[in-house]
PDB file of N, CA and C in Angstrom:
ATOM      1  N   MET A   1      12.647 -13.321  35.245  1.00  0.00           N
ATOM      2  CA  MET A   1      13.838 -12.737  36.039  1.00  0.00           C
ATOM      3  C   MET A   1      13.253 -11.126  36.367  1.00  0.00           C
ATOM      4  N   GLY A   2      12.750 -10.536  35.533  1.00  0.00           N
ATOM      5  CA  GLY A   2      12.631  -9.109  35.708  1.00  0.00           C
ATOM      6  C   GLY A   2      13.631  -8.149  35.379  1.00  0.00           C
ATOM      7  N   VAL A   3      13.833  -6.958  35.624  1.00  0.00           N
ATOM      8  CA  VAL A   3      14.986  -6.082  35.437  1.00  0.00           C
ATOM      9  C   VAL A   3      15.540  -6.096  36.652  1.00  0.00           C
ATOM     10  N   GLU A   4      16.948  -6.214  36.843  1.00  0.00           N
ATOM     11  CA  GLU A   4      17.762  -6.042  37.932  1.00  0.00           C
ATOM     12  C   GLU A   4      19.045  -5.219  37.676  1.00  0.00           C
ATOM     13  N   GLU A   5      19.246  -4.373  38.532  1.00  0.00           N
ATOM     14  CA  GLU A   5      20.316  -3.399  38.409  1.00  0.00           C
ATOM     15  C   GLU A   5      21.303  -3.761  39.577  1.00  0.00           C
ATOM     16  N   ASN A   6      22.733  -3.940  39.133  1.00  0.00           N
ATOM     17  CA  ASN A   6      23.606  -4.214  40.308  1.00  0.00           C
ATOM     18  C   ASN A   6      24.557  -3.169  40.640  1.00  0.00           C
ATOM     19  N   SER A   7      25.422  -3.160  41.505  1.00  0.00           N
ATOM     20  CA  SER A   7      26.206  -2.046  41.792  1.00  0.00           C
ATOM     21  C   SER A   7      27.171  -1.638  40.953  1.00  0.00           C
ATOM     22  N   SER A   8      27.602  -2.496  39.878  1.00  0.00           N
ATOM     23  CA  SER A   8      28.578  -1.952  38.761  1.00  0.00           C
ATOM     24  C   SER A   8      27.909  -1.213  37.845  1.00  0.00           C
ATOM     25  N   GLY A   9      26.568  -1.013  37.979  1.00  0.00           N
ATOM     26  CA  GLY A   9      25.852  -0.206  36.777  1.00  0.00           C
ATOM     27  C   GLY A   9      25.441  -0.610  35.763  1.00  0.00           C
ATOM     28  N   THR A  10      25.341  -2.156  35.735  1.00  0.00           N
ATOM     29  CA  THR A  10      24.884  -2.870  34.617  1.00  0.00           C
ATOM     30  C   THR A  10      23.512  -3.454  34.912  1.00  0.00           C
ATOM     31  N   VAL A  11      22.423  -3.279  33.860  1.00  0.00           N
ATOM     32  CA  VAL A  11      21.360  -3.727  34.065  1.00  0.00           C
ATOM     33  C   VAL A  11      20.956  -4.912  33.366  1.00  0.00           C
ATOM     34  N   THR A  12      20.467  -6.071  34.010  1.00  0.00           N
ATOM     35  CA  THR A  12      20.075  -7.291  33.515  1.00  0.00           C
ATOM     36  C   THR A  12      18.660  -7.577  33.174  1.00  0.00           C
ATOM     37  N   THR A  13      18.092  -8.282  32.138  1.00  0.00           N
ATOM     38  CA  THR A  13      16.848  -8.560  31.949  1.00  0.00           C
ATOM     39  C   THR A  13      16.647  -9.963  30.900  1.00  0.00           C
ATOM     40  N   ASP A  14      15.346 -10.757  30.935  1.00  0.00           N
ATOM     41  CA  ASP A  14      15.369 -11.669  29.826  1.00  0.00           C
ATOM     42  C   ASP A  14      14.545 -11.095  28.969  1.00  0.00           C
ATOM     43  N   VAL A  15      14.905 -11.508  27.617  1.00  0.00           N
ATOM     44  CA  VAL A  15      14.115 -10.996  26.547  1.00  0.00           C
ATOM     45  C   VAL A  15      13.600 -12.443  25.448  1.00  0.00           C
ATOM     46  N   THR A  16      12.486 -12.535  25.153  1.00  0.00           N
ATOM     47  CA  THR A  16      11.990 -13.463  24.383  1.00  0.00           C
ATOM     48  C   THR A  16      11.964 -13.318  23.052  1.00  0.00           C
ATOM     49  N   ASP A  17      12.755 -13.984  21.890  1.00  0.00           N
ATOM     50  CA  ASP A  17      12.701 -13.610  20.612  1.00  0.00           C
ATOM     51  C   ASP A  17      11.412 -14.204  19.955  1.00  0.00           C
ATOM     52  N   VAL A  18      11.007 -13.997  18.631  1.00  0.00           N
ATOM     53  CA  VAL A  18       9.943 -14.511  17.964  1.00  0.00           C
ATOM     54  C   VAL A  18       9.946 -16.057  18.099  1.00  0.00           C
ATOM     55  N   ALA A  19      11.108 -16.725  17.994  1.00  0.00           N
ATOM     56  CA  ALA A  19      11.154 -18.099  17.959  1.00  0.00           C
ATOM     57  C   ALA A  19      10.887 -18.759  19.317  1.00  0.00           C
ATOM     58  N   GLY A  20      10.522 -17.717  20.346  1.00  0.00           N
ATOM     59  CA  GLY A  20      10.328 -18.187  21.884  1.00  0.00           C
ATOM     60  C   GLY A  20      11.716 -18.601  22.516  1.00  0.00           C
ATOM     61  N   THR A  21      12.869 -18.174  21.768  1.00  0.00           N
ATOM     62  CA  THR A  21      13.995 -18.362  22.656  1.00  0.00           C
ATOM     63  C   THR A  21      14.230 -17.320  23.814  1.00  0.00           C
ATOM     64  N   THR A  22      14.486 -17.395  25.000  1.00  0.00           N
ATOM     65  CA  THR A  22      14.680 -16.453  25.977  1.00  0.00           C
ATOM     66  C   THR A  22      16.153 -16.218  26.132  1.00  0.00           C
ATOM     67  N   ASP A  23      16.639 -15.153  26.053  1.00  0.00           N
ATOM     68  CA  ASP A  23      18.054 -14.643  26.308  1.00  0.00           C
ATOM     69  C   ASP A  23      18.043 -13.599  27.521  1.00  0.00           C
ATOM     70  N   THR A  24      19.061 -13.879  28.276  1.00  0.00           N
ATOM     71  CA  THR A  24      19.293 -12.903  29.095  1.00  0.00           C
ATOM     72  C   THR A  24      20.191 -11.676  28.590  1.00  0.00           C
ATOM     73  N   VAL A  25      19.857 -10.310  28.762  1.00  0.00           N
ATOM     74  CA  VAL A  25      20.725  -9.303  28.197  1.00  0.00           C
ATOM     75  C   VAL A  25      20.955  -8.324  29.208  1.00  0.00           C
ATOM     76  N   THR A  26      22.276  -8.092  29.136  1.00  0.00           N
ATOM     77  CA  THR A  26      23.026  -7.489  30.182  1.00  0.00           C
ATOM     78  C   THR A  26      23.481  -5.962  29.493  1.00  0.00           C
ATOM     79  N   VAL A  27      23.063  -4.663  30.011  1.00  0.00           N
ATOM     80  CA  VAL A  27      23.267  -3.531  29.283  1.00  0.00           C
ATOM     81  C   VAL A  27      24.111  -2.636  30.401  1.00  0.00           C
ATOM     82  N   THR A  28      25.087  -2.041  30.049  1.00  0.00           N
ATOM     83  CA  THR A  28      25.896  -1.129  30.991  1.00  0.00           C
ATOM     84  C   THR A  28      25.309   0.005  31.065  1.00  0.00           C
ATOM     85  N   ALA A  29      25.623   0.803  31.905  1.00  0.00           N
ATOM     86  CA  ALA A  29      25.006   2.224  32.100  1.00  0.00           C
ATOM     87  C   ALA A  29      25.271   3.371  31.132  1.00  0.00           C
ATOM     88  N   GLU A  30      26.525   3.009  30.449  1.00  0.00           N
ATOM     89  CA  GLU A  30      26.888   3.869  29.437  1.00  0.00           C
ATOM     90  C   GLU A  30      26.205   3.662  28.244  1.00  0.00           C
ATOM     91  N   ALA A  31      25.939   2.250  28.042  1.00  0.00           N
ATOM     92  CA  ALA A  31      24.837   2.126  26.876  1.00  0.00           C
ATOM     93  C   ALA A  31      23.546   2.711  27.115  1.00  0.00           C
ATOM     94  N   VAL A  32      22.889   2.696  28.361  1.00  0.00           N
ATOM     95  CA  VAL A  32      21.831   3.040  28.537  1.00  0.00           C
ATOM     96  C   VAL A  32      21.811   4.665  28.207  1.00  0.00           C
ATOM     97  N   VAL A  33      22.831   5.507  28.623  1.00  0.00           N
ATOM     98  CA  VAL A  33      22.813   6.913  28.467  1.00  0.00           C
ATOM     99  C   VAL A  33      23.052   7.109  26.862  1.00  0.00           C
ATOM    100  N   ALA A  34      23.850   6.153  26.186  1.00  0.00           N
ATOM    101  CA  ALA A  34      24.115   6.364  24.797  1.00  0.00           C
ATOM    102  C   ALA A  34      22.759   5.844  23.826  1.00  0.00           C
ATOM    103  N   GLU A  35      22.012   5.023  24.274  1.00  0.00           N
ATOM    104  CA  GLU A  35      20.718   4.669  23.496  1.00  0.00           C
ATOM    105  C   GLU A  35      19.770   4.532  24.331  1.00  0.00           C
ATOM    106  N   GLU A  36      18.747   5.274  24.002  1.00  0.00           N
ATOM    107  CA  GLU A  36      17.333   4.985  24.800  1.00  0.00           C
ATOM    108  C   GLU A  36      16.943   3.415  24.874  1.00  0.00           C
ATOM    109  N   VAL A  37      16.655   3.034  26.388  1.00  0.00           N
ATOM    110  CA  VAL A  37      16.364   1.610  26.373  1.00  0.00           C
ATOM    111  C   VAL A  37      14.832   1.528  27.012  1.00  0.00           C
ATOM    112  N   THR A  38      14.124   0.741  26.335  1.00  0.00           N
ATOM    113  CA  THR A  38      12.704   0.621  26.617  1.00  0.00           C
ATOM    114  C   THR A  38      12.600  -0.617  27.673  1.00  0.00           C
ATOM    115  N   THR A  39      12.005  -0.639  28.830  1.00  0.00           N
ATOM    116  CA  THR A  39      11.694  -1.729  29.596  1.00  0.00           C
ATOM    117  C   THR A  39      10.582  -2.474  29.140  1.00  0.00           C
ATOM    118  N   LEU A  40      10.720  -3.777  28.725  1.00  0.00           N
ATOM    119  CA  LEU A  40       9.580  -4.550  28.187  1.00  0.00           C
ATOM    120  C   LEU A  40       9.146  -5.556  29.550  1.00  0.00           C
ATOM    121  N   ALA A  41       7.665  -5.845  29.289  1.00  0.00           N
ATOM    122  CA  ALA A  41       7.265  -6.520  30.310  1.00  0.00           C
ATOM    123  C   ALA A  41       7.771  -7.902  29.930  1.00  0.00           C
ATOM    124  N   ALA A  42       7.797  -8.889  31.279  1.00  0.00           N
ATOM    125  CA  ALA A  42       8.125 -10.176  31.016  1.00  0.00           C
ATOM    126  C   ALA A  42       7.183 -10.733  29.919  1.00  0.00           C
ATOM    127  N   GLY A  43       7.891 -11.737  29.022  1.00  0.00           N
ATOM    128  CA  GLY A  43       7.249 -12.453  28.149  1.00  0.00           C
ATOM    129  C   GLY A  43       6.669 -11.584  26.904  1.00  0.00           C
ATOM    130  N   THR A  44       7.381 -10.470  26.764  1.00  0.00           N
ATOM    131  CA  THR A  44       6.889  -9.700  25.477  1.00  0.00           C
ATOM    132  C   THR A  44       7.935  -9.998  24.270  1.00  0.00           C
ATOM    133  N   VAL A  45       7.214 -10.368  23.249  1.00  0.00           N
ATOM    134  CA  VAL A  45       7.984 -10.895  22.033  1.00  0.00           C
ATOM    135  C   VAL A  45       8.591  -9.817  21.396  1.00  0.00           C
ATOM    136  N   VAL A  46       9.636  -9.990  21.028  1.00  0.00           N
ATOM    137  CA  VAL A  46      10.559  -9.065  20.093  1.00  0.00           C
ATOM    138  C   VAL A  46      11.093  -9.661  18.811  1.00  0.00           C
ATOM    139  N   TYR A  47      11.111  -8.703  17.829  1.00  0.00           N
ATOM    140  CA  TYR A  47      11.347  -9.053  16.654  1.00  0.00           C
ATOM    141  C   TYR A  47      12.560  -8.495  16.114  1.00  0.00           C
ATOM    142  N   PRO A  48      13.367  -9.213  15.341  1.00  0.00           N
ATOM    143  CA  PRO A  48      14.905  -8.721  15.054  1.00  0.00           C
ATOM    144  C   PRO A  48      14.828  -7.548  13.679  1.00  0.00           C
ATOM    145  N   ILE A  49      15.664  -6.591  13.895  1.00  0.00           N
ATOM    146  CA  ILE A  49      15.607  -5.887  12.753  1.00  0.00           C
ATOM    147  C   ILE A  49      16.476  -6.468  11.636  1.00  0.00           C
ATOM    148  N   ALA A  50      16.485  -6.134  10.406  1.00  0.00           N
ATOM    149  CA  ALA A  50      17.268  -6.925   9.230  1.00  0.00           C
ATOM    150  C   ALA A  50      18.747  -6.830   9.555  1.00  0.00           C
ATOM    151  N   PRO A  51      19.504  -7.808   9.435  1.00  0.00           N
ATOM    152  CA  PRO A  51      20.773  -7.690   9.751  1.00  0.00           C
ATOM    153  C   PRO A  51      21.711  -6.728   8.867  1.00  0.00           C
ATOM    154  N   GLY A  52      22.404  -5.818   9.579  1.00  0.00           N
ATOM    155  CA  GLY A  52      23.263  -4.877   8.651  1.00  0.00           C
ATOM    156  C   GLY A  52      22.568  -3.535   8.448  1.00  0.00           C
ATOM    157  N   TYR A  53      21.346  -3.361   9.114  1.00  0.00           N
ATOM    158  CA  TYR A  53      20.673  -2.086   8.870  1.00  0.00           C
ATOM    159  C   TYR A  53      20.553  -1.516  10.320  1.00  0.00           C
ATOM    160  N   ARG A  54      20.630  -0.057  10.210  1.00  0.00           N
ATOM    161  CA  ARG A  54      20.308   0.762  11.316  1.00  0.00           C
ATOM    162  C   ARG A  54      18.939   1.388  10.900  1.00  0.00           C
ATOM    163  N   VAL A  55      17.849   1.298  11.337  1.00  0.00           N
ATOM    164  CA  VAL A  55      16.660   1.866  11.043  1.00  0.00           C
ATOM    165  C   VAL A  55      15.973   2.926  11.688  1.00  0.00           C
ATOM    166  N   ASN A  56      15.626   3.900  11.028  1.00  0.00           N
ATOM    167  CA  ASN A  56      15.153   5.248  11.554  1.00  0.00           C
ATOM    168  C   ASN A  56      13.691   4.891  12.321  1.00  0.00           C
ATOM    169  N   VAL A  57      13.589   5.413  13.406  1.00  0.00           N
ATOM    170  CA  VAL A  57      12.219   5.329  14.163  1.00  0.00           C
ATOM    171  C   VAL A  57      11.602   6.473  13.844  1.00  0.00           C
ATOM    172  N   ARG A  58      10.127   6.702  13.518  1.00  0.00           N
ATOM    173  CA  ARG A  58       9.857   7.823  13.092  1.00  0.00           C
ATOM    174  C   ARG A  58       8.383   8.236  13.940  1.00  0.00           C
ATOM    175  N   ARG A  59       8.002   9.318  13.934  1.00  0.00           N
ATOM    176  CA  ARG A  59       6.906   9.812  14.671  1.00  0.00           C
ATOM    177  C   ARG A  59       5.574   9.226  14.195  1.00  0.00           C
ATOM    178  N   GLY A  60       5.555   8.652  13.107  1.00  0.00           N
ATOM    179  CA  GLY A  60       4.212   8.378  12.393  1.00  0.00           C
ATOM    180  C   GLY A  60       4.751   7.303  11.439  1.00  0.00           C
ATOM    181  N   PRO A  61       3.436   6.703  10.550  1.00  0.00           N
ATOM    182  CA  PRO A  61       3.835   5.714   9.597  1.00  0.00           C
ATOM    183  C   PRO A  61       4.036   6.233   8.275  1.00  0.00           C
ATOM    184  N   GLY A  62       5.078   6.816   8.374  1.00  0.00           N
ATOM    185  CA  GLY A  62       5.693   7.270   6.864  1.00  0.00           C
ATOM    186  C   GLY A  62       7.091   7.950   6.930  1.00  0.00           C
ATOM    187  N   THR A  63       7.831   8.341   5.877  1.00  0.00           N
ATOM    188  CA  THR A  63       9.271   8.816   5.778  1.00  0.00           C
ATOM    189  C   THR A  63       8.840  10.410   5.931  1.00  0.00           C
ATOM    190  N   GLN A  64       7.788  11.063   5.812  1.00  0.00           N
ATOM    191  CA  GLN A  64       7.640  12.339   6.380  1.00  0.00           C
ATOM    192  C   GLN A  64       7.463  12.657   7.552  1.00  0.00           C
ATOM    193  N   TYR A  65       7.251  11.765   8.459  1.00  0.00           N
ATOM    194  CA  TYR A  65       7.339  11.987   9.751  1.00  0.00           C
ATOM    195  C   TYR A  65       8.967  12.227  10.419  1.00  0.00           C
ATOM    196  N   GLY A  66       8.868  12.966  11.296  1.00  0.00           N
ATOM    197  CA  GLY A  66      10.103  13.178  11.979  1.00  0.00           C
ATOM    198  C   GLY A  66      11.002  11.887  12.517  1.00  0.00           C
ATOM    199  N   ILE A  67      12.239  11.799  12.606  1.00  0.00           N
ATOM    200  CA  ILE A  67      12.811  10.824  13.150  1.00  0.00           C
ATOM    201  C   ILE A  67      13.238  11.118  14.477  1.00  0.00           C
ATOM    202  N   VAL A  68      12.537  10.092  15.523  1.00  0.00           N
ATOM    203  CA  VAL A  68      12.779  10.011  16.975  1.00  0.00           C
ATOM    204  C   VAL A  68      14.140   9.596  17.593  1.00  0.00           C
ATOM    205  N   ARG A  69      14.592   8.483  16.776  1.00  0.00           N
ATOM    206  CA  ARG A  69      15.874   7.937  16.953  1.00  0.00           C
ATOM    207  C   ARG A  69      16.212   6.983  16.014  1.00  0.00           C
ATOM    208  N   THR A  70      17.408   6.352  15.988  1.00  0.00           N
ATOM    209  CA  THR A  70      17.923   5.359  14.843  1.00  0.00           C
ATOM    210  C   THR A  70      18.085   4.297  15.852  1.00  0.00           C
ATOM    211  N   LEU A  71      17.635   3.085  15.434  1.00  0.00           N
ATOM    212  CA  LEU A  71      18.192   1.751  16.219  1.00  0.00           C
ATOM    213  C   LEU A  71      19.454   1.401  15.591  1.00  0.00           C
ATOM    214  N   PRO A  72      20.324   0.708  16.643  1.00  0.00           N
ATOM    215  CA  PRO A  72      21.517   0.121  16.333  1.00  0.00           C
ATOM    216  C   PRO A  72      21.505  -1.153  15.577  1.00  0.00           C
ATOM    217  N   TYR A  73      22.554  -1.570  15.017  1.00  0.00           N
ATOM    218  CA  TYR A  73      22.718  -2.808  14.453  1.00  0.00           C
ATOM    219  C   TYR A  73      22.224  -3.887  15.418  1.00  0.00           C
ATOM    220  N   GLY A  74      21.568  -4.941  14.897  1.00  0.00           N
ATOM    221  CA  GLY A  74      21.239  -6.025  15.648  1.00  0.00           C
ATOM    222  C   GLY A  74      20.325  -5.884  16.702  1.00  0.00           C
ATOM    223  N   MET A  75      19.452  -4.656  16.588  1.00  0.00           N
ATOM    224  CA  MET A  75      18.405  -4.612  17.472  1.00  0.00           C
ATOM    225  C   MET A  75      17.266  -5.383  17.431  1.00  0.00           C
ATOM    226  N   SER A  76      16.482  -5.766  18.444  1.00  0.00           N
ATOM    227  CA  SER A  76      15.335  -6.433  18.257  1.00  0.00           C
ATOM    228  C   SER A  76      14.224  -5.405  19.018  1.00  0.00           C
ATOM    229  N   VAL A  77      12.884  -5.422  18.609  1.00  0.00           N
ATOM    230  CA  VAL A  77      11.914  -4.520  18.783  1.00  0.00           C
ATOM    231  C   VAL A  77      10.976  -5.252  18.969  1.00  0.00           C
ATOM    232  N   PRO A  78       9.756  -4.690  20.122  1.00  0.00           N
ATOM    233  CA  PRO A  78       8.554  -5.141  20.417  1.00  0.00           C
ATOM    234  C   PRO A  78       7.486  -4.696  19.155  1.00  0.00           C
ATOM    235  N   VAL A  79       6.314  -5.315  18.867  1.00  0.00           N
ATOM    236  CA  VAL A  79       5.541  -4.583  18.000  1.00  0.00           C
ATOM    237  C   VAL A  79       4.050  -4.663  18.661  1.00  0.00           C
ATOM    238  N   TYR A  80       3.837  -3.675  19.369  1.00  0.00           N
ATOM    239  CA  TYR A  80       2.617  -3.575  20.156  1.00  0.00           C
ATOM    240  C   TYR A  80       1.284  -3.148  19.063  1.00  0.00           C
ATOM    241  N   CYS A  81       1.341  -2.537  18.233  1.00  0.00           N
ATOM    242  CA  CYS A  81       0.267  -2.636  16.906  1.00  0.00           C
ATOM    243  C   CYS A  81       0.824  -1.971  15.770  1.00  0.00           C
ATOM    244  N   GLN A  82       0.087  -2.151  14.714  1.00  0.00           N
ATOM    245  CA  GLN A  82       0.678  -1.878  13.478  1.00  0.00           C
ATOM    246  C   GLN A  82      -0.469  -1.055  12.882  1.00  0.00           C
ATOM    247  N   LYS A  83      -0.017  -0.055  11.698  1.00  0.00           N
ATOM    248  CA  LYS A  83      -0.621   0.882  11.242  1.00  0.00           C
ATOM    249  C   LYS A  83      -0.356   1.003   9.602  1.00  0.00           C
ATOM    250  N   PRO A  84      -1.235   0.989   8.689  1.00  0.00           N
ATOM    251  CA  PRO A  84      -0.912   1.299   7.347  1.00  0.00           C
ATOM    252  C   PRO A  84      -0.278   2.816   7.236  1.00  0.00           C
ATOM    253  N   GLY A  85       0.447   2.804   6.314  1.00  0.00           N
ATOM    254  CA  GLY A  85       1.080   4.149   6.108  1.00  0.00           C
ATOM    255  C   GLY A  85       1.752   4.023   4.617  1.00  0.00           C
ATOM    256  N   GLU A  86       2.906   4.942   4.720  1.00  0.00           N
ATOM    257  CA  GLU A  86       3.589   5.180   3.291  1.00  0.00           C
ATOM    258  C   GLU A  86       4.255   3.697   2.978  1.00  0.00           C
ATOM    259  N   ARG A  87       4.095   3.311   1.569  1.00  0.00           N
ATOM    260  CA  ARG A  87       4.809   1.892   1.232  1.00  0.00           C
ATOM    261  C   ARG A  87       6.110   2.171   1.084  1.00  0.00           C
ATOM    262  N   VAL A  88       6.726   1.045   1.620  1.00  0.00           N
ATOM    263  CA  VAL A  88       8.461   1.232   1.841  1.00  0.00           C
ATOM    264  C   VAL A  88       8.849  -0.157   1.273  1.00  0.00           C
ATOM    265  N   THR A  89      10.222  -0.127   0.694  1.00  0.00           N
ATOM    266  CA  THR A  89      10.773  -1.420  -0.065  1.00  0.00           C
ATOM    267  C   THR A  89      11.975  -1.479   1.095  1.00  0.00           C
ATOM    268  N   GLY A  90      12.102  -2.656   1.729  1.00  0.00           N
ATOM    269  CA  GLY A  90      13.167  -2.976   2.477  1.00  0.00           C
ATOM    270  C   GLY A  90      13.600  -4.490   2.331  1.00  0.00           C
ATOM    271  N   PRO A  91      14.755  -4.940   3.116  1.00  0.00           N
ATOM    272  CA  PRO A  91      14.814  -6.443   2.915  1.00  0.00           C
ATOM    273  C   PRO A  91      14.177  -7.666   3.038  1.00  0.00           C
ATOM    274  N   TYR A  92      12.914  -7.027   3.720  1.00  0.00           N
ATOM    275  CA  TYR A  92      11.880  -8.048   3.603  1.00  0.00           C
ATOM    276  C   TYR A  92      10.583  -7.870   2.881  1.00  0.00           C
ATOM    277  N   GLY A  93      10.838  -7.134   1.683  1.00  0.00           N
ATOM    278  CA  GLY A  93      10.015  -6.862   0.658  1.00  0.00           C
ATOM    279  C   GLY A  93       9.359  -5.531   0.710  1.00  0.00           C
ATOM    280  N   THR A  94       8.226  -5.355   0.249  1.00  0.00           N
ATOM    281  CA  THR A  94       7.603  -4.003   0.100  1.00  0.00           C
ATOM    282  C   THR A  94       6.224  -4.043   0.768  1.00  0.00           C
ATOM    283  N   SER A  95       6.092  -3.139   1.897  1.00  0.00           N
ATOM    284  CA  SER A  95       4.945  -3.000   2.453  1.00  0.00           C
ATOM    285  C   SER A  95       4.474  -1.521   2.964  1.00  0.00           C
ATOM    286  N   ASN A  96       3.204  -1.480   3.222  1.00  0.00           N
ATOM    287  CA  ASN A  96       2.765  -0.292   3.662  1.00  0.00           C
ATOM    288  C   ASN A  96       2.289  -0.330   5.223  1.00  0.00           C
ATOM    289  N   ILE A  97       2.842  -1.517   5.825  1.00  0.00           N
ATOM    290  CA  ILE A  97       2.663  -1.833   7.185  1.00  0.00           C
ATOM    291  C   ILE A  97       3.750  -1.041   8.123  1.00  0.00           C
ATOM    292  N   TRP A  98       3.596  -0.278   9.269  1.00  0.00           N
ATOM    293  CA  TRP A  98       4.306   0.324  10.067  1.00  0.00           C
ATOM    294  C   TRP A  98       4.123  -0.314  11.441  1.00  0.00           C
ATOM    295  N   ASP A  99       5.054  -0.700  11.985  1.00  0.00           N
ATOM    296  CA  ASP A  99       5.178  -1.197  13.161  1.00  0.00           C
ATOM    297  C   ASP A  99       5.383  -0.205  14.450  1.00  0.00           C
ATOM    298  N   ASN A 100       4.463  -0.237  15.404  1.00  0.00           N
ATOM    299  CA  ASN A 100       4.453   0.775  16.532  1.00  0.00           C
ATOM    300  C   ASN A 100       5.320  -0.015  17.645  1.00  0.00           C
ATOM    301  N   ILE A 101       6.333   0.581  17.914  1.00  0.00           N
ATOM    302  CA  ILE A 101       7.449   0.012  18.845  1.00  0.00           C
ATOM    303  C   ILE A 101       7.516   0.560  20.134  1.00  0.00           C
ATOM    304  N   ALA A 102       6.903   1.657  20.327  1.00  0.00           N
ATOM    305  CA  ALA A 102       6.822   2.310  21.742  1.00  0.00           C
ATOM    306  C   ALA A 102       5.603   3.444  21.293  1.00  0.00           C
ATOM    307  N   ASN A 103       5.481   4.199  22.325  1.00  0.00           N
ATOM    308  CA  ASN A 103       4.286   5.306  22.170  1.00  0.00           C
ATOM    309  C   ASN A 103       4.812   6.526  21.255  1.00  0.00           C
ATOM    310  N   GLY A 104       4.178   6.436  19.979  1.00  0.00           N
ATOM    311  CA  GLY A 104       4.527   7.560  18.989  1.00  0.00           C
ATOM    312  C   GLY A 104       5.749   7.401  18.444  1.00  0.00           C
ATOM    313  N   GLN A 105       6.225   5.807  18.376  1.00  0.00           N
ATOM    314  CA  GLN A 105       7.335   5.550  17.394  1.00  0.00           C
ATOM    315  C   GLN A 105       6.984   4.372  16.538  1.00  0.00           C
ATOM    316  N   PHE A 106       7.397   4.718  15.276  1.00  0.00           N
ATOM    317  CA  PHE A 106       7.052   3.634  14.263  1.00  0.00           C
ATOM    318  C   PHE A 106       8.363   3.304  13.498  1.00  0.00           C
ATOM    319  N   VAL A 107       8.306   2.081  13.115  1.00  0.00           N
ATOM    320  CA  VAL A 107       9.338   1.618  12.122  1.00  0.00           C
ATOM    321  C   VAL A 107       8.784   0.889  10.951  1.00  0.00           C
ATOM    322  N   ALA A 108       9.374   0.827   9.770  1.00  0.00           N
ATOM    323  CA  ALA A 108       8.861   0.274   8.593  1.00  0.00           C
ATOM    324  C   ALA A 108       9.055  -1.213   8.542  1.00  0.00           C
ATOM    325  N   ASP A 109       7.827  -1.856   8.575  1.00  0.00           N
ATOM    326  CA  ASP A 109       7.494  -3.513   8.817  1.00  0.00           C
ATOM    327  C   ASP A 109       8.634  -4.221   7.910  1.00  0.00           C
ATOM    328  N   ALA A 110       8.778  -3.327   6.845  1.00  0.00           N
ATOM    329  CA  ALA A 110       9.833  -4.034   5.606  1.00  0.00           C
ATOM    330  C   ALA A 110      11.289  -4.308   6.188  1.00  0.00           C
ATOM    331  N   TYR A 111      11.688  -3.676   7.257  1.00  0.00           N
ATOM    332  CA  TYR A 111      12.911  -3.880   7.950  1.00  0.00           C
ATOM    333  C   TYR A 111      12.903  -4.732   9.294  1.00  0.00           C
ATOM    334  N   VAL A 112      11.917  -5.207   9.439  1.00  0.00           N
ATOM    335  CA  VAL A 112      11.437  -6.102  10.617  1.00  0.00           C
ATOM    336  C   VAL A 112      11.114  -7.524  10.325  1.00  0.00           C
ATOM    337  N   HIS A 113      11.753  -8.720  10.929  1.00  0.00           N
ATOM    338  CA  HIS A 113      11.614  -9.917  10.818  1.00  0.00           C
ATOM    339  C   HIS A 113      10.531 -10.426  11.602  1.00  0.00           C
ATOM    340  N   THR A 114       9.082 -10.401  11.163  1.00  0.00           N
ATOM    341  CA  THR A 114       8.093 -10.768  11.900  1.00  0.00           C
ATOM    342  C   THR A 114       7.722 -12.026  11.374  1.00  0.00           C
ATOM    343  N   GLY A 115       8.193 -12.546  10.027  1.00  0.00           N
ATOM    344  CA  GLY A 115       7.845 -13.813   9.703  1.00  0.00           C
ATOM    345  C   GLY A 115       6.623 -13.962   9.056  1.00  0.00           C
ATOM    346  N   SER A 116       5.874 -12.879   8.758  1.00  0.00           N
ATOM    347  CA  SER A 116       4.548 -12.602   7.998  1.00  0.00           C
ATOM    348  C   SER A 116       4.722 -11.324   7.110  1.00  0.00           C
ATOM    349  N   ASP A 117       4.086 -11.455   5.732  1.00  0.00           N
ATOM    350  CA  ASP A 117       3.837 -10.242   5.088  1.00  0.00           C
ATOM    351  C   ASP A 117       2.757  -9.646   5.550  1.00  0.00           C
ATOM    352  N   GLY A 118       1.926 -10.098   6.391  1.00  0.00           N
ATOM    353  CA  GLY A 118       0.723  -9.278   6.805  1.00  0.00           C
ATOM    354  C   GLY A 118       0.781  -8.815   8.290  1.00  0.00           C
ATOM    355  N   TYR A 119      -0.464  -8.378   8.768  1.00  0.00           N
ATOM    356  CA  TYR A 119      -0.550  -7.894  10.240  1.00  0.00           C
ATOM    357  C   TYR A 119      -0.139  -9.099  11.120  1.00  0.00           C
ATOM    358  N   ILE A 120       0.858  -8.737  12.285  1.00  0.00           N
ATOM    359  CA  ILE A 120       0.946  -9.958  13.314  1.00  0.00           C
ATOM    360  C   ILE A 120       0.554  -9.286  14.739  1.00  0.00           C
ATOM    361  N   ALA A 121       0.209  -8.066  14.664  1.00  0.00           N
ATOM    362  CA  ALA A 121      -0.442  -7.480  15.835  1.00  0.00           C
ATOM    363  C   ALA A 121      -1.528  -6.843  15.443  1.00  0.00           C
ATOM    364  N   PRO A 122      -2.512  -6.296  16.436  1.00  0.00           N
ATOM    365  CA  PRO A 122      -3.640  -5.482  16.066  1.00  0.00           C
ATOM    366  C   PRO A 122      -3.279  -4.177  15.607  1.00  0.00           C
ATOM    367  N   ARG A 123      -4.361  -3.542  14.980  1.00  0.00           N
ATOM    368  CA  ARG A 123      -4.325  -2.305  14.180  1.00  0.00           C
ATOM    369  C   ARG A 123      -4.280  -1.081  15.073  1.00  0.00           C
ATOM    370  N   CYS A 124      -3.263  -0.160  15.101  1.00  0.00           N
ATOM    371  CA  CYS A 124      -3.367   0.932  16.010  1.00  0.00           C
ATOM    372  C   CYS A 124      -4.432   1.678  15.798  1.00  0.00           C
ATOM    373  N   ASP A 125      -4.966   2.346  17.106  1.00  0.00           N
ATOM    374  CA  ASP A 125      -6.224   3.062  17.057  1.00  0.00           C
ATOM    375  C   ASP A 125      -5.904   4.430  16.248  1.00  0.00           C
TER     376      ASP A 125
END
């Protein structure tokens, strides 16, 4: 489908989750202003953040790095590459793996349902 914007100010795109299910997502202009939205390439796999958690996105792989933004409840994210860093405990266990979800933006893998306790993407350079 690609990304489509209509005259009412909504944006619609298809997103594929980790199970391979494709859903059409529609976002209003107000939501785009309220929360940064990253356009994903067609077929990009996204992984859900643990239910009931708003996860901090950081500039690097650890809590000592500054917070870039906070993901809202129910968010799913792409994982472009992964990097070892600070060991964190979350709903999916304890891990030192951090997921790169955008340029210079990392989330602790312990809060992302990747279906694995190990690496699921290449290591970041």
